[in-house]
Amino acid sequence: MNVQQLVVAAVAALAFVCTASAQDTLKLASGQRGNWDTSVSEVGQRAGIFKKHGLVLEILWTQGSGETQQPVISGDVDIGVAVGVMGALSSFSKGAPVRIIGAQTTGARDLFWYVRSDSPIKSLKDTEGKTLAYSTKGSSTNGIVTAFMKQYDLKATPVATGSPSSTLTQVMSGQVDVGWSAPPFGLDQLDEHKIRIIASGNDADVFKGQTVRLLIANAQSLAKKKPLIDRYMKAYRETIDYMYNDPAALKIYADFVGISEAKAKRTRDEFFPKSAIDPDRVVGLDTIVKDAVELKFTAAPLTKEQLAELVQIPPR
């Protein structure tokens, strides 16, 4: 190899190193800071997994799906994490530029509704004239409460209460009768017998075993940044494997939330089987589309053509 060839090779190698080390930025909005399922991106970033894929994530934390969807729709962020499936279908049906790039949580065993221990309410059927909490409009908890109302013919008043911590304050102060939560939030109060669970998200037949929350992207971001979003999904899948196979992930999550590693492990093992956060398939979509009409989130079922446009999950 002559000198000129060596120079060309060195320049090419330098260009490759610079490209490989460059970090692209994606902006995310994510509901419910600290929930196990919403922490995939945060844990992956802290563990260096997204950096390995050339990505830096800027994460905006919200109190629920309604707050998460808005910056995605406006284009202020690229990706929305933990958006309620009914809210996403509703927004898309009204022309909002949202696209599904993955399932975020399937099944609703992690969500629970509770009362103070001294409350006379024993079940959802005792909530006539009472207030029944959900996080924000369009969220998975909003969808489940809507399903509760229909399934059990409830005469309760649904109210938006925001995050699990703000909801707990409202329940314990008597402002709200029935609160909602998701582990690890509320576990201490349950163990201390300050609150009692009266229903699980899986008690809503509509949502049992189906995908309840999604990963969504702004349509323009998906078109312009598809290689980045494809890399995001690769790193996301890799992080899920890490969170279930490497004990170091429990420490990262525990440090992030400010809980013990034992509570982190309990949260994962009791409430989030790995299959629950598999992003590769929206489970029960045909039924979900019908239920969205039944629960009045959409005016008509989305067509196959609309679903093909809406659901664009990057392949593995």
C-alpha atoms as a PDB file:
ATOM      1  CA  MET A   1       0.000   0.000   0.000  1.00  0.00           C
ATOM      2  CA  ASN A   2       1.502   3.362  -1.024  1.00  0.00           C
ATOM      3  CA  VAL A   3       1.427   6.593   0.971  1.00  0.00           C
ATOM      4  CA  GLN A   4      -1.621   7.928  -0.837  1.00  0.00           C
ATOM      5  CA  GLN A   5      -3.569   4.734  -0.142  1.00  0.00           C
ATOM      6  CA  LEU A   6      -2.542   4.873   3.518  1.00  0.00           C
ATOM      7  CA  VAL A   7      -3.796   8.463   3.812  1.00  0.00           C
ATOM      8  CA  VAL A   8      -7.115   7.559   2.182  1.00  0.00           C
ATOM      9  CA  ALA A   9      -7.499   4.565   4.506  1.00  0.00           C
ATOM     10  CA  ALA A  10      -6.683   6.675   7.566  1.00  0.00           C
ATOM     11  CA  VAL A  11      -9.214   9.354   6.580  1.00  0.00           C
ATOM     12  CA  ALA A  12     -11.872   6.700   6.001  1.00  0.00           C
ATOM     13  CA  ALA A  13     -11.136   5.110   9.359  1.00  0.00           C
ATOM     14  CA  LEU A  14     -11.320   8.487  11.115  1.00  0.00           C
ATOM     15  CA  ALA A  15     -14.626   9.263   9.431  1.00  0.00           C
ATOM     16  CA  PHE A  16     -16.005   5.907  10.582  1.00  0.00           C
ATOM     17  CA  VAL A  17     -14.898   6.517  14.172  1.00  0.00           C
ATOM     18  CA  CYS A  18     -16.430  10.000  14.178  1.00  0.00           C
ATOM     19  CA  THR A  19     -19.701   8.673  12.742  1.00  0.00           C
ATOM     20  CA  ALA A  20     -19.826   5.785  15.199  1.00  0.00           C
ATOM     21  CA  SER A  21     -19.166   8.052  18.165  1.00  0.00           C
ATOM     22  CA  ALA A  22     -21.701  10.681  17.138  1.00  0.00           C
ATOM     23  CA  GLN A  23     -24.834  10.684  19.245  1.00  0.00           C
ATOM     24  CA  ASP A  24     -28.222  11.507  17.749  1.00  0.00           C
ATOM     25  CA  THR A  25     -30.920  12.935  20.012  1.00  0.00           C
ATOM     26  CA  LEU A  26     -34.504  11.742  20.303  1.00  0.00           C
ATOM     27  CA  LYS A  27     -37.049  13.555  22.450  1.00  0.00           C
ATOM     28  CA  LEU A  28     -39.501  11.464  24.462  1.00  0.00           C
ATOM     29  CA  ALA A  29     -42.583  12.162  26.553  1.00  0.00           C
ATOM     30  CA  SER A  30     -43.330   9.406  29.048  1.00  0.00           C
ATOM     31  CA  GLY A  31     -46.141   8.968  31.519  1.00  0.00           C
ATOM     32  CA  GLN A  32     -45.723   8.059  35.172  1.00  0.00           C
ATOM     33  CA  ARG A  33     -42.085   8.477  36.131  1.00  0.00           C
ATOM     34  CA  GLY A  34     -40.884   5.491  38.123  1.00  0.00           C
ATOM     35  CA  ASN A  35     -43.247   2.753  36.979  1.00  0.00           C
ATOM     36  CA  TRP A  36     -41.298  -0.347  35.933  1.00  0.00           C
ATOM     37  CA  ASP A  37     -42.737  -0.424  32.411  1.00  0.00           C
ATOM     38  CA  THR A  38     -42.215   3.288  31.769  1.00  0.00           C
ATOM     39  CA  SER A  39     -38.586   3.092  32.931  1.00  0.00           C
ATOM     40  CA  VAL A  40     -37.184   1.076  30.026  1.00  0.00           C
ATOM     41  CA  SER A  41     -35.745   4.103  28.235  1.00  0.00           C
ATOM     42  CA  GLU A  42     -34.345   5.605  31.441  1.00  0.00           C
ATOM     43  CA  VAL A  43     -32.743   2.333  32.574  1.00  0.00           C
ATOM     44  CA  GLY A  44     -31.344   1.700  29.093  1.00  0.00           C
ATOM     45  CA  GLN A  45     -29.859   5.178  28.950  1.00  0.00           C
ATOM     46  CA  ARG A  46     -28.282   4.865  32.411  1.00  0.00           C
ATOM     47  CA  ALA A  47     -26.871   1.452  31.456  1.00  0.00           C
ATOM     48  CA  GLY A  48     -25.309   2.846  28.277  1.00  0.00           C
ATOM     49  CA  ILE A  49     -27.437   0.749  25.925  1.00  0.00           C
ATOM     50  CA  PHE A  50     -28.912   3.665  23.970  1.00  0.00           C
ATOM     51  CA  LYS A  51     -25.471   5.288  23.784  1.00  0.00           C
ATOM     52  CA  LYS A  52     -24.166   2.088  22.218  1.00  0.00           C
ATOM     53  CA  HIS A  53     -26.796   2.566  19.529  1.00  0.00           C
ATOM     54  CA  GLY A  54     -25.707   6.171  18.993  1.00  0.00           C
ATOM     55  CA  LEU A  55     -28.656   7.767  20.784  1.00  0.00           C
ATOM     56  CA  VAL A  56     -29.157  10.326  23.523  1.00  0.00           C
ATOM     57  CA  LEU A  57     -32.677  10.490  24.948  1.00  0.00           C
ATOM     58  CA  GLU A  58     -34.258  13.658  26.311  1.00  0.00           C
ATOM     59  CA  ILE A  59     -37.147  12.454  28.474  1.00  0.00           C
ATOM     60  CA  LEU A  60     -40.076  14.636  29.527  1.00  0.00           C
ATOM     61  CA  TRP A  61     -42.074  13.004  32.322  1.00  0.00           C
ATOM     62  CA  THR A  62     -45.849  13.509  32.423  1.00  0.00           C
ATOM     63  CA  GLN A  63     -48.725  12.532  34.699  1.00  0.00           C
ATOM     64  CA  GLY A  64     -50.418  10.338  32.109  1.00  0.00           C
ATOM     65  CA  SER A  65     -51.379   9.596  28.560  1.00  0.00           C
ATOM     66  CA  GLY A  66     -53.284  12.810  27.921  1.00  0.00           C
ATOM     67  CA  GLU A  67     -50.230  14.891  28.789  1.00  0.00           C
ATOM     68  CA  THR A  68     -47.963  12.502  26.866  1.00  0.00           C
ATOM     69  CA  GLN A  69     -49.879  12.597  23.610  1.00  0.00           C
ATOM     70  CA  GLN A  70     -50.050  16.363  23.257  1.00  0.00           C
ATOM     71  CA  PRO A  71     -46.331  17.047  22.688  1.00  0.00           C
ATOM     72  CA  VAL A  72     -46.202  14.078  20.297  1.00  0.00           C
ATOM     73  CA  ILE A  73     -49.121  15.469  18.287  1.00  0.00           C
ATOM     74  CA  SER A  74     -47.598  18.960  18.228  1.00  0.00           C
ATOM     75  CA  GLY A  75     -44.193  17.597  17.185  1.00  0.00           C
ATOM     76  CA  ASP A  76     -42.425  18.922  20.276  1.00  0.00           C
ATOM     77  CA  VAL A  77     -41.232  15.369  20.992  1.00  0.00           C
ATOM     78  CA  ASP A  78     -40.570  12.443  18.691  1.00  0.00           C
ATOM     79  CA  ILE A  79     -41.883   9.531  20.777  1.00  0.00           C
ATOM     80  CA  GLY A  80     -44.589   9.050  23.403  1.00  0.00           C
ATOM     81  CA  VAL A  81     -44.227   6.264  25.978  1.00  0.00           C
ATOM     82  CA  ALA A  82     -47.149   4.589  27.788  1.00  0.00           C
ATOM     83  CA  VAL A  83     -49.974   6.135  25.779  1.00  0.00           C
ATOM     84  CA  GLY A  84     -53.349   4.510  26.400  1.00  0.00           C
ATOM     85  CA  VAL A  85     -54.436   2.453  23.416  1.00  0.00           C
ATOM     86  CA  MET A  86     -57.933   3.961  23.376  1.00  0.00           C
ATOM     87  CA  GLY A  87     -56.538   7.483  23.512  1.00  0.00           C
ATOM     88  CA  ALA A  88     -54.186   6.757  20.613  1.00  0.00           C
ATOM     89  CA  LEU A  89     -56.991   5.302  18.491  1.00  0.00           C
ATOM     90  CA  SER A  90     -59.169   8.287  19.324  1.00  0.00           C
ATOM     91  CA  SER A  91     -56.472  10.796  18.337  1.00  0.00           C
ATOM     92  CA  PHE A  92     -55.623   8.996  15.096  1.00  0.00           C
ATOM     93  CA  SER A  93     -59.299   8.735  14.135  1.00  0.00           C
ATOM     94  CA  LYS A  94     -59.521  12.524  14.438  1.00  0.00           C
ATOM     95  CA  GLY A  95     -56.549  13.068  12.129  1.00  0.00           C
ATOM     96  CA  ALA A  96     -53.759  13.495  14.685  1.00  0.00           C
ATOM     97  CA  PRO A  97     -50.272  12.656  13.333  1.00  0.00           C
ATOM     98  CA  VAL A  98     -49.623   9.674  15.626  1.00  0.00           C
ATOM     99  CA  ARG A  99     -48.233   6.279  14.663  1.00  0.00           C
ATOM    100  CA  ILE A 100     -47.826   3.161  16.796  1.00  0.00           C
ATOM    101  CA  ILE A 101     -44.209   1.966  16.863  1.00  0.00           C
ATOM    102  CA  GLY A 102     -44.644  -0.661  19.564  1.00  0.00           C
ATOM    103  CA  ALA A 103     -46.742  -2.139  22.320  1.00  0.00           C
ATOM    104  CA  GLN A 104     -45.699  -0.729  25.692  1.00  0.00           C
ATOM    105  CA  THR A 105     -47.730  -2.829  28.140  1.00  0.00           C
ATOM    106  CA  THR A 106     -50.041  -5.768  27.511  1.00  0.00           C
ATOM    107  CA  GLY A 107     -52.513  -6.778  30.199  1.00  0.00           C
ATOM    108  CA  ALA A 108     -53.497  -4.604  33.133  1.00  0.00           C
ATOM    109  CA  ARG A 109     -52.452  -6.604  36.179  1.00  0.00           C
ATOM    110  CA  ASP A 110     -50.125  -3.802  37.277  1.00  0.00           C
ATOM    111  CA  LEU A 111     -52.934  -1.259  37.680  1.00  0.00           C
ATOM    112  CA  PHE A 112     -55.084  -1.345  40.786  1.00  0.00           C
ATOM    113  CA  TRP A 113     -57.882   0.682  42.371  1.00  0.00           C
ATOM    114  CA  TYR A 114     -57.955   1.128  46.116  1.00  0.00           C
ATOM    115  CA  VAL A 115     -59.657   2.839  49.052  1.00  0.00           C
ATOM    116  CA  ARG A 116     -58.550   3.914  52.496  1.00  0.00           C
ATOM    117  CA  SER A 117     -58.633   1.026  54.952  1.00  0.00           C
ATOM    118  CA  ASP A 118     -61.456   2.677  56.915  1.00  0.00           C
ATOM    119  CA  SER A 119     -63.626   3.133  53.798  1.00  0.00           C
ATOM    120  CA  PRO A 120     -66.995   1.345  53.700  1.00  0.00           C
ATOM    121  CA  ILE A 121     -66.396   0.575  50.000  1.00  0.00           C
ATOM    122  CA  LYS A 122     -65.660  -3.129  49.517  1.00  0.00           C
ATOM    123  CA  SER A 123     -65.930  -3.427  45.738  1.00  0.00           C
ATOM    124  CA  LEU A 124     -66.618  -1.379  42.632  1.00  0.00           C
ATOM    125  CA  LYS A 125     -70.319  -2.076  43.064  1.00  0.00           C
ATOM    126  CA  ASP A 126     -70.278   0.031  46.251  1.00  0.00           C
ATOM    127  CA  THR A 127     -69.244   3.212  44.413  1.00  0.00           C
ATOM    128  CA  GLU A 128     -72.639   4.753  43.673  1.00  0.00           C
ATOM    129  CA  GLY A 129     -72.327   8.493  44.286  1.00  0.00           C
ATOM    130  CA  LYS A 130     -68.568   8.121  44.889  1.00  0.00           C
ATOM    131  CA  THR A 131     -65.574   9.398  42.927  1.00  0.00           C
ATOM    132  CA  LEU A 132     -63.466   6.946  40.913  1.00  0.00           C
ATOM    133  CA  ALA A 133     -59.962   8.008  39.887  1.00  0.00           C
ATOM    134  CA  TYR A 134     -58.042   7.753  36.626  1.00  0.00           C
ATOM    135  CA  SER A 135     -54.855   9.594  35.618  1.00  0.00           C
ATOM    136  CA  THR A 136     -55.587  11.747  32.560  1.00  0.00           C
ATOM    137  CA  LYS A 137     -58.024  11.707  29.645  1.00  0.00           C
ATOM    138  CA  GLY A 138     -57.093   9.144  27.002  1.00  0.00           C
ATOM    139  CA  SER A 139     -54.899   7.133  29.391  1.00  0.00           C
ATOM    140  CA  SER A 140     -55.094   3.401  30.017  1.00  0.00           C
ATOM    141  CA  THR A 141     -56.620   4.130  33.438  1.00  0.00           C
ATOM    142  CA  ASN A 142     -59.246   6.320  31.750  1.00  0.00           C
ATOM    143  CA  GLY A 143     -60.049   3.453  29.375  1.00  0.00           C
ATOM    144  CA  ILE A 144     -60.280   0.951  32.215  1.00  0.00           C
ATOM    145  CA  VAL A 145     -62.502   3.188  34.347  1.00  0.00           C
ATOM    146  CA  THR A 146     -64.751   3.729  31.306  1.00  0.00           C
ATOM    147  CA  ALA A 147     -64.910  -0.050  30.916  1.00  0.00           C
ATOM    148  CA  PHE A 148     -65.665  -0.474  34.643  1.00  0.00           C
ATOM    149  CA  MET A 149     -68.558   1.965  34.361  1.00  0.00           C
ATOM    150  CA  LYS A 150     -70.110   0.047  31.480  1.00  0.00           C
ATOM    151  CA  GLN A 151     -69.324  -3.503  32.603  1.00  0.00           C
ATOM    152  CA  TYR A 152     -70.621  -3.070  36.157  1.00  0.00           C
ATOM    153  CA  ASP A 153     -73.233  -0.388  35.388  1.00  0.00           C
ATOM    154  CA  LEU A 154     -71.604   1.895  37.926  1.00  0.00           C
ATOM    155  CA  LYS A 155     -73.076   5.192  39.109  1.00  0.00           C
ATOM    156  CA  ALA A 156     -69.722   6.582  40.250  1.00  0.00           C
ATOM    157  CA  THR A 157     -68.193   9.844  39.039  1.00  0.00           C
ATOM    158  CA  PRO A 158     -64.864   9.369  37.198  1.00  0.00           C
ATOM    159  CA  VAL A 159     -62.274  12.038  38.035  1.00  0.00           C
ATOM    160  CA  ALA A 160     -58.801  12.763  36.657  1.00  0.00           C
ATOM    161  CA  THR A 161     -56.313  12.744  39.539  1.00  0.00           C
ATOM    162  CA  GLY A 162     -52.930  12.697  37.793  1.00  0.00           C
ATOM    163  CA  SER A 163     -50.010  10.618  39.039  1.00  0.00           C
ATOM    164  CA  PRO A 164     -50.121   7.796  41.618  1.00  0.00           C
ATOM    165  CA  SER A 165     -48.556  10.061  44.251  1.00  0.00           C
ATOM    166  CA  SER A 166     -51.005  12.934  43.716  1.00  0.00           C
ATOM    167  CA  THR A 167     -53.867  10.420  43.646  1.00  0.00           C
ATOM    168  CA  LEU A 168     -52.759   8.918  46.958  1.00  0.00           C
ATOM    169  CA  THR A 169     -52.754  12.369  48.566  1.00  0.00           C
ATOM    170  CA  GLN A 170     -56.306  12.974  47.338  1.00  0.00           C
ATOM    171  CA  VAL A 171     -57.524   9.601  48.623  1.00  0.00           C
ATOM    172  CA  MET A 172     -55.895   9.881  52.038  1.00  0.00           C
ATOM    173  CA  SER A 173     -57.213  13.437  52.482  1.00  0.00           C
ATOM    174  CA  GLY A 174     -60.742  12.373  51.556  1.00  0.00           C
ATOM    175  CA  GLN A 175     -60.975  14.347  48.317  1.00  0.00           C
ATOM    176  CA  VAL A 176     -61.381  11.174  46.236  1.00  0.00           C
ATOM    177  CA  ASP A 177     -63.089   7.947  47.279  1.00  0.00           C
ATOM    178  CA  VAL A 178     -61.342   5.400  45.042  1.00  0.00           C
ATOM    179  CA  GLY A 179     -57.773   5.940  43.863  1.00  0.00           C
ATOM    180  CA  TRP A 180     -55.628   4.221  41.264  1.00  0.00           C
ATOM    181  CA  SER A 181     -51.984   3.210  41.378  1.00  0.00           C
ATOM    182  CA  ALA A 182     -49.294   0.991  39.885  1.00  0.00           C
ATOM    183  CA  PRO A 183     -46.299  -0.574  41.637  1.00  0.00           C
ATOM    184  CA  PRO A 184     -44.006   0.373  43.190  1.00  0.00           C
ATOM    185  CA  PHE A 185     -46.312   3.223  44.196  1.00  0.00           C
ATOM    186  CA  GLY A 186     -48.751   2.195  46.921  1.00  0.00           C
ATOM    187  CA  LEU A 187     -46.923  -0.961  48.018  1.00  0.00           C
ATOM    188  CA  ASP A 188     -45.806   0.593  51.319  1.00  0.00           C
ATOM    189  CA  GLN A 189     -49.345   1.741  52.090  1.00  0.00           C
ATOM    190  CA  LEU A 190     -50.695  -1.728  51.253  1.00  0.00           C
ATOM    191  CA  ASP A 191     -48.119  -3.411  53.486  1.00  0.00           C
ATOM    192  CA  GLU A 192     -48.937  -0.969  56.280  1.00  0.00           C
ATOM    193  CA  HIS A 193     -52.689  -1.627  55.822  1.00  0.00           C
ATOM    194  CA  LYS A 194     -53.422   2.025  55.135  1.00  0.00           C
ATOM    195  CA  ILE A 195     -55.205   1.203  51.884  1.00  0.00           C
ATOM    196  CA  ARG A 196     -57.136  -1.771  50.442  1.00  0.00           C
ATOM    197  CA  ILE A 197     -57.305  -2.906  46.818  1.00  0.00           C
ATOM    198  CA  ILE A 198     -60.871  -3.265  45.511  1.00  0.00           C
ATOM    199  CA  ALA A 199     -60.159  -3.886  41.808  1.00  0.00           C
ATOM    200  CA  SER A 200     -57.424  -4.715  39.341  1.00  0.00           C
ATOM    201  CA  GLY A 201     -57.100  -3.506  35.779  1.00  0.00           C
ATOM    202  CA  ASN A 202     -57.687  -7.095  34.727  1.00  0.00           C
ATOM    203  CA  ASP A 203     -61.189  -6.896  36.242  1.00  0.00           C
ATOM    204  CA  ALA A 204     -62.135  -4.911  33.137  1.00  0.00           C
ATOM    205  CA  ASP A 205     -62.917  -7.698  30.667  1.00  0.00           C
ATOM    206  CA  VAL A 206     -62.208  -5.391  27.720  1.00  0.00           C
ATOM    207  CA  PHE A 207     -58.555  -4.966  28.700  1.00  0.00           C
ATOM    208  CA  LYS A 208     -57.643  -8.352  30.185  1.00  0.00           C
ATOM    209  CA  GLY A 209     -54.855  -9.897  28.129  1.00  0.00           C
ATOM    210  CA  GLN A 210     -54.889  -7.097  25.567  1.00  0.00           C
ATOM    211  CA  THR A 211     -52.369  -4.340  24.925  1.00  0.00           C
ATOM    212  CA  VAL A 212     -53.350  -1.346  27.057  1.00  0.00           C
ATOM    213  CA  ARG A 213     -50.481   1.119  26.500  1.00  0.00           C
ATOM    214  CA  LEU A 214     -48.391   1.942  23.458  1.00  0.00           C
ATOM    215  CA  LEU A 215     -45.212   3.474  22.147  1.00  0.00           C
ATOM    216  CA  ILE A 216     -46.195   6.117  19.623  1.00  0.00           C
ATOM    217  CA  ALA A 217     -44.284   8.464  17.343  1.00  0.00           C
ATOM    218  CA  ASN A 218     -45.113  11.716  15.632  1.00  0.00           C
ATOM    219  CA  ALA A 219     -45.782  10.853  11.966  1.00  0.00           C
ATOM    220  CA  GLN A 220     -43.413  13.526  10.658  1.00  0.00           C
ATOM    221  CA  SER A 221     -40.660  12.431  13.051  1.00  0.00           C
ATOM    222  CA  LEU A 222     -41.133   8.832  11.940  1.00  0.00           C
ATOM    223  CA  ALA A 223     -40.784   9.845   8.287  1.00  0.00           C
ATOM    224  CA  LYS A 224     -37.746  12.078   8.825  1.00  0.00           C
ATOM    225  CA  LYS A 225     -35.980  10.090  11.543  1.00  0.00           C
ATOM    226  CA  LYS A 226     -36.881   6.502  10.716  1.00  0.00           C
ATOM    227  CA  PRO A 227     -33.286   5.192  11.066  1.00  0.00           C
ATOM    228  CA  LEU A 228     -33.072   6.789  14.524  1.00  0.00           C
ATOM    229  CA  ILE A 229     -36.425   5.400  15.611  1.00  0.00           C
ATOM    230  CA  ASP A 230     -35.435   1.960  14.299  1.00  0.00           C
ATOM    231  CA  ARG A 231     -32.285   2.209  16.442  1.00  0.00           C
ATOM    232  CA  TYR A 232     -34.377   3.348  19.396  1.00  0.00           C
ATOM    233  CA  MET A 233     -36.525   0.233  19.126  1.00  0.00           C
ATOM    234  CA  LYS A 234     -33.449  -2.011  18.891  1.00  0.00           C
ATOM    235  CA  ALA A 235     -32.019  -0.427  22.016  1.00  0.00           C
ATOM    236  CA  TYR A 236     -35.440  -0.610  23.711  1.00  0.00           C
ATOM    237  CA  ARG A 237     -35.679  -4.367  23.053  1.00  0.00           C
ATOM    238  CA  GLU A 238     -32.105  -4.871  24.227  1.00  0.00           C
ATOM    239  CA  THR A 239     -32.877  -2.957  27.427  1.00  0.00           C
ATOM    240  CA  ILE A 240     -35.888  -5.180  28.172  1.00  0.00           C
ATOM    241  CA  ASP A 241     -33.651  -8.260  27.928  1.00  0.00           C
ATOM    242  CA  TYR A 242     -31.172  -6.529  30.228  1.00  0.00           C
ATOM    243  CA  MET A 243     -33.861  -5.632  32.786  1.00  0.00           C
ATOM    244  CA  TYR A 244     -34.921  -9.275  33.137  1.00  0.00           C
ATOM    245  CA  ASN A 245     -31.526 -10.973  32.866  1.00  0.00           C
ATOM    246  CA  ASP A 246     -28.979  -8.760  34.622  1.00  0.00           C
ATOM    247  CA  PRO A 247     -29.263  -8.006  38.376  1.00  0.00           C
ATOM    248  CA  ALA A 248     -27.482  -4.696  37.738  1.00  0.00           C
ATOM    249  CA  ALA A 249     -30.666  -3.429  36.085  1.00  0.00           C
ATOM    250  CA  LEU A 250     -32.555  -3.730  39.375  1.00  0.00           C
ATOM    251  CA  LYS A 251     -30.000  -1.490  41.072  1.00  0.00           C
ATOM    252  CA  ILE A 252     -30.245   1.098  38.293  1.00  0.00           C
ATOM    253  CA  TYR A 253     -34.051   1.083  38.504  1.00  0.00           C
ATOM    254  CA  ALA A 254     -34.044   1.199  42.312  1.00  0.00           C
ATOM    255  CA  ASP A 255     -31.632   4.149  42.310  1.00  0.00           C
ATOM    256  CA  PHE A 256     -33.747   5.951  39.718  1.00  0.00           C
ATOM    257  CA  VAL A 257     -36.982   5.561  41.683  1.00  0.00           C
ATOM    258  CA  GLY A 258     -35.447   5.837  45.156  1.00  0.00           C
ATOM    259  CA  ILE A 259     -36.552   2.438  46.446  1.00  0.00           C
ATOM    260  CA  SER A 260     -34.795  -0.683  47.684  1.00  0.00           C
ATOM    261  CA  GLU A 261     -33.584  -3.330  45.272  1.00  0.00           C
ATOM    262  CA  ALA A 262     -35.899  -5.771  47.033  1.00  0.00           C
ATOM    263  CA  LYS A 263     -38.906  -3.596  46.221  1.00  0.00           C
ATOM    264  CA  ALA A 264     -37.665  -3.176  42.665  1.00  0.00           C
ATOM    265  CA  LYS A 265     -37.488  -6.965  42.302  1.00  0.00           C
ATOM    266  CA  ARG A 266     -40.956  -7.358  43.829  1.00  0.00           C
ATOM    267  CA  THR A 267     -42.365  -4.796  41.409  1.00  0.00           C
ATOM    268  CA  ARG A 268     -40.893  -6.617  38.422  1.00  0.00           C
ATOM    269  CA  ASP A 269     -41.579 -10.187  39.494  1.00  0.00           C
ATOM    270  CA  GLU A 270     -45.105  -9.787  40.903  1.00  0.00           C
ATOM    271  CA  PHE A 271     -46.577  -7.323  38.426  1.00  0.00           C
ATOM    272  CA  PHE A 272     -44.567  -7.274  35.193  1.00  0.00           C
ATOM    273  CA  PRO A 273     -43.775 -10.582  33.501  1.00  0.00           C
ATOM    274  CA  LYS A 274     -41.410  -9.982  30.612  1.00  0.00           C
ATOM    275  CA  SER A 275     -44.167 -10.767  28.105  1.00  0.00           C
ATOM    276  CA  ALA A 276     -46.177  -7.819  29.464  1.00  0.00           C
ATOM    277  CA  ILE A 277     -43.707  -5.282  28.066  1.00  0.00           C
ATOM    278  CA  ASP A 278     -42.892  -7.053  24.787  1.00  0.00           C
ATOM    279  CA  PRO A 279     -43.060  -4.238  22.208  1.00  0.00           C
ATOM    280  CA  ASP A 280     -43.325  -6.347  19.067  1.00  0.00           C
ATOM    281  CA  ARG A 281     -47.074  -6.962  18.828  1.00  0.00           C
ATOM    282  CA  VAL A 282     -50.239  -5.089  19.759  1.00  0.00           C
ATOM    283  CA  VAL A 283     -52.281  -7.933  21.231  1.00  0.00           C
ATOM    284  CA  GLY A 284     -56.021  -8.094  20.548  1.00  0.00           C
ATOM    285  CA  LEU A 285     -56.075  -5.218  18.073  1.00  0.00           C
ATOM    286  CA  ASP A 286     -59.214  -6.399  16.246  1.00  0.00           C
ATOM    287  CA  THR A 287     -61.125  -6.510  19.519  1.00  0.00           C
ATOM    288  CA  ILE A 288     -59.620  -3.232  20.718  1.00  0.00           C
ATOM    289  CA  VAL A 289     -60.845  -1.477  17.566  1.00  0.00           C
ATOM    290  CA  LYS A 290     -64.400  -2.681  18.236  1.00  0.00           C
ATOM    291  CA  ASP A 291     -64.214  -1.816  21.928  1.00  0.00           C
ATOM    292  CA  ALA A 292     -63.029   1.709  21.084  1.00  0.00           C
ATOM    293  CA  VAL A 293     -66.372   2.286  19.358  1.00  0.00           C
ATOM    294  CA  GLU A 294     -68.336   0.600  22.154  1.00  0.00           C
ATOM    295  CA  LEU A 295     -66.634   2.800  24.768  1.00  0.00           C
ATOM    296  CA  LYS A 296     -67.059   5.893  22.552  1.00  0.00           C
ATOM    297  CA  PHE A 297     -63.371   6.616  21.970  1.00  0.00           C
ATOM    298  CA  THR A 298     -63.885   6.415  18.198  1.00  0.00           C
ATOM    299  CA  ALA A 299     -66.997   7.059  16.114  1.00  0.00           C
ATOM    300  CA  ALA A 300     -66.442   4.040  13.851  1.00  0.00           C
ATOM    301  CA  PRO A 301     -64.062   1.062  13.672  1.00  0.00           C
ATOM    302  CA  LEU A 302     -60.749   1.833  11.998  1.00  0.00           C
ATOM    303  CA  THR A 303     -60.421   0.126   8.614  1.00  0.00           C
ATOM    304  CA  LYS A 304     -57.616  -2.266   7.638  1.00  0.00           C
ATOM    305  CA  GLU A 305     -56.104   0.517   5.558  1.00  0.00           C
ATOM    306  CA  GLN A 306     -56.188   2.916   8.501  1.00  0.00           C
ATOM    307  CA  LEU A 307     -54.633   0.318  10.801  1.00  0.00           C
ATOM    308  CA  ALA A 308     -51.862  -0.344   8.278  1.00  0.00           C
ATOM    309  CA  GLU A 309     -51.081   3.378   8.348  1.00  0.00           C
ATOM    310  CA  LEU A 310     -51.357   3.627  12.135  1.00  0.00           C
ATOM    311  CA  VAL A 311     -49.326   0.577  13.191  1.00  0.00           C
ATOM    312  CA  GLN A 312     -45.715   0.802  12.000  1.00  0.00           C
ATOM    313  CA  ILE A 313     -43.673  -1.315  14.410  1.00  0.00           C
ATOM    314  CA  PRO A 314     -40.030  -1.498  13.253  1.00  0.00           C
ATOM    315  CA  PRO A 315     -38.987  -5.139  12.683  1.00  0.00           C
ATOM    316  CA  ARG A 316     -36.395  -6.780  14.880  1.00  0.00           C
END
